[in-house]
Amino acid sequence: MNKLVKKNWLEIGMSTGLVFLMIVLILVAELALPVGLRSPSFALIVLLFVVAMGFMGLKLVDM
């Protein structure tokens, strides 16, 4: 039971951190990049977020 609770909190913390990182990256892209590069950067940020969440999920399954 204790290991399951710890794993759940770890999953919540890692997911929250990745979402926060994605929001920060999108804000930086919105403020720092020229208009022509914003859309591709948003797509790349979301793609990297999905891949990172997938790797995180695989890592949590192995625990």
C-alpha atoms as a PDB file:
ATOM      1  CA  MET A   1       0.000   0.000   0.000  1.00  0.00           C
ATOM      2  CA  ASN A   2       2.723   2.465   0.976  1.00  0.00           C
ATOM      3  CA  LYS A   3       4.644   1.847  -2.268  1.00  0.00           C
ATOM      4  CA  LEU A   4       1.486   2.451  -4.302  1.00  0.00           C
ATOM      5  CA  VAL A   5       0.798   5.749  -2.524  1.00  0.00           C
ATOM      6  CA  LYS A   6       4.411   6.872  -3.061  1.00  0.00           C
ATOM      7  CA  LYS A   7       4.202   5.943  -6.749  1.00  0.00           C
ATOM      8  CA  ASN A   8       0.946   7.885  -7.150  1.00  0.00           C
ATOM      9  CA  TRP A   9       2.458  11.012  -5.568  1.00  0.00           C
ATOM     10  CA  LEU A  10       5.545  10.641  -7.758  1.00  0.00           C
ATOM     11  CA  GLU A  11       3.334  10.388 -10.838  1.00  0.00           C
ATOM     12  CA  ILE A  12       1.341  13.472  -9.817  1.00  0.00           C
ATOM     13  CA  GLY A  13       4.500  15.456  -9.115  1.00  0.00           C
ATOM     14  CA  MET A  14       6.199  14.502 -12.367  1.00  0.00           C
ATOM     15  CA  SER A  15       3.076  15.196 -14.436  1.00  0.00           C
ATOM     16  CA  THR A  16       2.594  18.569 -12.770  1.00  0.00           C
ATOM     17  CA  GLY A  17       6.222  19.456 -13.382  1.00  0.00           C
ATOM     18  CA  LEU A  18       6.023  18.537 -17.051  1.00  0.00           C
ATOM     19  CA  VAL A  19       2.809  20.533 -17.540  1.00  0.00           C
ATOM     20  CA  PHE A  20       4.385  23.531 -15.799  1.00  0.00           C
ATOM     21  CA  LEU A  21       7.467  23.207 -18.036  1.00  0.00           C
ATOM     22  CA  MET A  22       5.272  23.038 -21.133  1.00  0.00           C
ATOM     23  CA  ILE A  23       3.383  26.182 -20.100  1.00  0.00           C
ATOM     24  CA  VAL A  24       6.640  28.048 -19.460  1.00  0.00           C
ATOM     25  CA  LEU A  25       8.071  26.966 -22.821  1.00  0.00           C
ATOM     26  CA  ILE A  26       4.905  28.068 -24.635  1.00  0.00           C
ATOM     27  CA  LEU A  27       5.002  31.458 -22.901  1.00  0.00           C
ATOM     28  CA  VAL A  28       8.675  31.900 -23.775  1.00  0.00           C
ATOM     29  CA  ALA A  29       7.963  30.970 -27.391  1.00  0.00           C
ATOM     30  CA  GLU A  30       5.040  33.419 -27.482  1.00  0.00           C
ATOM     31  CA  LEU A  31       7.112  36.278 -26.100  1.00  0.00           C
ATOM     32  CA  ALA A  32      10.526  35.663 -27.641  1.00  0.00           C
ATOM     33  CA  LEU A  33       9.995  34.218 -31.107  1.00  0.00           C
ATOM     34  CA  PRO A  34       8.901  36.050 -34.242  1.00  0.00           C
ATOM     35  CA  VAL A  35       5.348  35.452 -35.428  1.00  0.00           C
ATOM     36  CA  GLY A  36       6.402  33.073 -38.206  1.00  0.00           C
ATOM     37  CA  LEU A  37       8.121  30.680 -35.799  1.00  0.00           C
ATOM     38  CA  ARG A  38       5.453  30.550 -33.090  1.00  0.00           C
ATOM     39  CA  SER A  39       3.189  27.912 -34.621  1.00  0.00           C
ATOM     40  CA  PRO A  40       5.990  25.439 -35.409  1.00  0.00           C
ATOM     41  CA  SER A  41       7.452  25.970 -31.953  1.00  0.00           C
ATOM     42  CA  PHE A  42       4.071  25.278 -30.315  1.00  0.00           C
ATOM     43  CA  ALA A  43       3.788  22.045 -32.288  1.00  0.00           C
ATOM     44  CA  LEU A  44       7.322  21.028 -31.302  1.00  0.00           C
ATOM     45  CA  ILE A  45       6.721  21.852 -27.638  1.00  0.00           C
ATOM     46  CA  VAL A  46       3.529  19.780 -27.551  1.00  0.00           C
ATOM     47  CA  LEU A  47       5.252  16.904 -29.361  1.00  0.00           C
ATOM     48  CA  LEU A  48       8.118  16.948 -26.860  1.00  0.00           C
ATOM     49  CA  PHE A  49       5.595  17.060 -24.008  1.00  0.00           C
ATOM     50  CA  VAL A  50       3.789  13.975 -25.320  1.00  0.00           C
ATOM     51  CA  VAL A  51       7.070  12.093 -25.741  1.00  0.00           C
ATOM     52  CA  ALA A  52       8.250  13.104 -22.254  1.00  0.00           C
ATOM     53  CA  MET A  53       4.943  11.968 -20.717  1.00  0.00           C
ATOM     54  CA  GLY A  54       5.277   8.656 -22.542  1.00  0.00           C
ATOM     55  CA  PHE A  55       8.802   8.104 -21.244  1.00  0.00           C
ATOM     56  CA  MET A  56       7.678   9.077 -17.763  1.00  0.00           C
ATOM     57  CA  GLY A  57       4.834   6.558 -17.954  1.00  0.00           C
ATOM     58  CA  LEU A  58       7.191   3.798 -19.060  1.00  0.00           C
ATOM     59  CA  LYS A  59       9.567   4.644 -16.220  1.00  0.00           C
ATOM     60  CA  LEU A  60       6.727   4.527 -13.682  1.00  0.00           C
ATOM     61  CA  VAL A  61       5.540   1.149 -14.984  1.00  0.00           C
ATOM     62  CA  ASP A  62       9.029  -0.258 -14.375  1.00  0.00           C
ATOM     63  CA  MET A  63       8.952   0.824 -10.725  1.00  0.00           C
END
